[in-house]
Amino acid sequence: MHIEHDDLSRPAIHALLEEHLQSMRAWSPPESVHALDLDKLRQPGITFWSAWDEAGLLLGCGALKELDATHGELKSMRTPEAHRGRGAGRAILAHIISVATARGYERLSLETGATAPFAPAQRLYESAGFTRCGPFADYGEDPHSVFMTLALASDGRP
């Protein structure tokens, strides 16, 4: 598997992001869907990566949004339903944590859903050291959202 900076131009990425948006809309009320579409992922301050296997199959994606000089937000983490369990989510998460640390961020935060379909994502984040926190940036209290954060050490380790 290799992870690469992605320009969001390939059809496989478009399909995966559409799958992501459809799932978010199915699992959460409209006002609680914070997933980014292609146009929003192309905004300045957002870096997007994709993970591919040796045969060129898309295994997952994730993005890092800069909130300020010391705080980043994890966005658009997704692995295709058909290819889960191959470690792509964990690999992309580790890559984004590494990049956030290299950028000098002191904290990496995220918002995810609060219902059962989001439990695997919550477990992944917890296994990487993320802990629950209150809303950050422009988020407000929402019973359909779980907010998590990870303090980043200056030596590159969470």
Protein backbone atom coordinates (compact mmCIF):
# COMPACT_ATOMS: atom_id res chain seq x y z
CA MET A 1 0.00 0.00 0.00
CA HIS A 2 1.22 3.51 -0.72
CA ILE A 3 -0.20 6.84 0.40
CA GLU A 4 0.03 9.82 -1.90
CA HIS A 5 -0.93 13.47 -1.90
CA ASP A 6 -4.04 13.54 -4.09
CA ASP A 7 -5.32 16.27 -6.40
CA LEU A 8 -8.93 14.95 -6.23
CA SER A 9 -9.12 14.49 -10.00
CA ARG A 10 -9.57 10.73 -10.39
CA PRO A 11 -12.97 9.06 -10.79
CA ALA A 12 -12.17 6.50 -8.08
CA ILE A 13 -11.73 9.33 -5.57
CA HIS A 14 -14.96 10.97 -6.71
CA ALA A 15 -16.83 7.69 -6.22
CA LEU A 16 -15.36 7.11 -2.76
CA LEU A 17 -16.20 10.63 -1.62
CA GLU A 18 -19.75 10.24 -2.97
CA GLU A 19 -20.06 6.96 -1.03
CA HIS A 20 -18.84 8.85 2.04
CA LEU A 21 -21.35 11.69 1.62
CA GLN A 22 -24.23 9.27 1.00
CA SER A 23 -23.40 7.33 4.16
CA MET A 24 -23.13 10.49 6.25
CA ARG A 25 -26.51 11.69 4.96
CA ALA A 26 -28.09 8.29 5.66
CA TRP A 27 -26.73 8.07 9.21
CA SER A 28 -27.09 11.66 10.45
CA PRO A 29 -29.67 14.44 10.16
CA PRO A 30 -28.77 17.12 7.57
CA GLU A 31 -27.70 19.72 10.15
CA SER A 32 -25.25 17.20 11.64
CA VAL A 33 -23.49 16.20 8.41
CA HIS A 34 -20.08 17.89 8.39
CA ALA A 35 -18.49 15.87 5.55
CA LEU A 36 -16.82 17.93 2.84
CA ASP A 37 -17.65 17.65 -0.84
CA LEU A 38 -15.06 17.92 -3.64
CA ASP A 39 -15.24 21.70 -3.87
CA LYS A 40 -14.73 22.15 -0.13
CA LEU A 41 -11.85 19.65 -0.11
CA ARG A 42 -10.13 21.76 -2.78
CA GLN A 43 -10.10 24.87 -0.57
CA PRO A 44 -6.81 26.35 0.65
CA GLY A 45 -5.72 24.96 3.99
CA ILE A 46 -6.89 21.42 3.22
CA THR A 47 -4.51 18.65 2.16
CA PHE A 48 -5.94 15.38 0.85
CA TRP A 49 -4.31 11.94 0.62
CA SER A 50 -5.32 8.62 -0.86
CA ALA A 51 -4.09 5.06 -0.25
CA TRP A 52 -3.67 2.59 -3.12
CA ASP A 53 -2.62 -1.03 -3.36
CA GLU A 54 0.04 -2.34 -5.75
CA ALA A 55 -2.60 -3.04 -8.42
CA GLY A 56 -3.89 0.53 -8.37
CA LEU A 57 -7.00 -0.15 -6.27
CA LEU A 58 -8.14 2.73 -4.06
CA LEU A 59 -8.12 1.61 -0.42
CA GLY A 60 -8.99 4.83 1.36
CA CYS A 61 -8.58 8.54 1.84
CA GLY A 62 -8.25 11.26 4.43
CA ALA A 63 -7.64 14.98 4.72
CA LEU A 64 -6.05 17.49 7.06
CA LYS A 65 -7.59 20.92 7.49
CA GLU A 66 -5.52 23.65 9.11
CA LEU A 67 -7.60 25.42 11.76
CA ASP A 68 -4.72 27.64 12.89
CA ALA A 69 -0.93 27.46 13.17
CA THR A 70 -1.11 24.90 16.00
CA HIS A 71 -4.38 23.04 15.43
CA GLY A 72 -5.44 20.73 12.61
CA GLU A 73 -8.67 18.88 11.90
CA LEU A 74 -8.93 15.38 10.50
CA LYS A 75 -11.50 15.27 7.67
CA SER A 76 -12.88 12.85 5.06
CA MET A 77 -11.48 9.63 6.50
CA ARG A 78 -13.00 6.83 4.45
CA THR A 79 -12.27 3.33 3.24
CA PRO A 80 -14.53 1.74 0.62
CA GLU A 81 -17.07 -0.68 2.08
CA ALA A 82 -15.69 -3.46 -0.12
CA HIS A 83 -12.07 -3.03 1.02
CA ARG A 84 -12.30 -2.53 4.78
CA GLY A 85 -10.03 -4.44 7.12
CA ARG A 86 -6.85 -4.02 5.07
CA GLY A 87 -5.31 -1.38 7.33
CA ALA A 88 -5.76 1.60 5.03
CA GLY A 89 -7.66 3.66 7.60
CA ARG A 90 -5.00 3.12 10.23
CA ALA A 91 -2.23 3.88 7.70
CA ILE A 92 -3.84 7.12 6.54
CA LEU A 93 -4.51 8.17 10.12
CA ALA A 94 -0.85 7.56 11.05
CA HIS A 95 0.26 9.50 7.97
CA ILE A 96 -1.94 12.49 8.83
CA ILE A 97 -0.75 12.48 12.45
CA SER A 98 2.84 12.48 11.17
CA VAL A 99 2.19 15.39 8.80
CA ALA A 100 0.34 17.38 11.50
CA THR A 101 3.30 16.89 13.84
CA ALA A 102 5.78 17.90 11.13
CA ARG A 103 3.76 21.06 10.53
CA GLY A 104 4.18 21.94 14.20
CA TYR A 105 0.57 21.42 15.20
CA GLU A 106 0.08 20.89 18.90
CA ARG A 107 -3.35 19.35 18.51
CA LEU A 108 -5.29 17.31 15.97
CA SER A 109 -9.08 17.17 16.38
CA LEU A 110 -12.01 15.56 14.62
CA GLU A 111 -15.77 15.31 14.52
CA THR A 112 -17.49 12.01 13.86
CA GLY A 113 -20.97 10.63 14.30
CA ALA A 114 -22.44 9.43 17.57
CA THR A 115 -24.56 6.50 16.35
CA ALA A 116 -23.68 2.80 15.91
CA PRO A 117 -22.39 3.05 12.30
CA PHE A 118 -19.63 5.37 13.57
CA ALA A 119 -18.44 3.04 16.35
CA PRO A 120 -15.62 1.47 14.24
CA ALA A 121 -14.26 4.93 13.43
CA GLN A 122 -14.42 5.95 17.08
CA ARG A 123 -12.50 2.81 18.06
CA LEU A 124 -9.85 3.53 15.43
CA TYR A 125 -9.35 7.07 16.71
CA GLU A 126 -9.28 5.93 20.35
CA SER A 127 -6.66 3.30 19.49
CA ALA A 128 -4.47 6.10 18.10
CA GLY A 129 -4.77 8.08 21.33
CA PHE A 130 -7.65 10.43 20.54
CA THR A 131 -9.90 11.28 23.49
CA ARG A 132 -13.34 12.81 23.59
CA CYS A 133 -13.56 16.56 23.95
CA GLY A 134 -16.07 19.35 23.48
CA PRO A 135 -16.83 21.13 20.22
CA PHE A 136 -13.92 22.98 18.61
CA ALA A 137 -13.53 25.50 15.77
CA ASP A 138 -17.00 26.37 14.40
CA TYR A 139 -18.78 23.30 15.75
CA GLY A 140 -21.50 23.53 18.37
CA GLU A 141 -22.97 21.02 20.78
CA ASP A 142 -24.75 18.31 18.81
CA PRO A 143 -26.15 15.02 20.14
CA HIS A 144 -25.32 13.44 16.77
CA SER A 145 -21.62 14.37 16.95
CA VAL A 146 -18.66 13.03 18.89
CA PHE A 147 -15.66 15.36 19.13
CA MET A 148 -12.19 13.95 19.73
CA THR A 149 -8.71 15.40 20.03
CA LEU A 150 -5.10 14.27 20.18
CA ALA A 151 -2.28 16.29 21.76
CA LEU A 152 0.81 16.05 19.56
CA ALA A 153 4.25 15.86 21.12
CA SER A 154 7.08 17.93 19.73
CA ASP A 155 9.13 14.79 19.15
CA GLY A 156 6.63 13.45 16.61
CA ARG A 157 4.73 11.08 18.86
CA PRO A 158 1.12 11.51 20.01
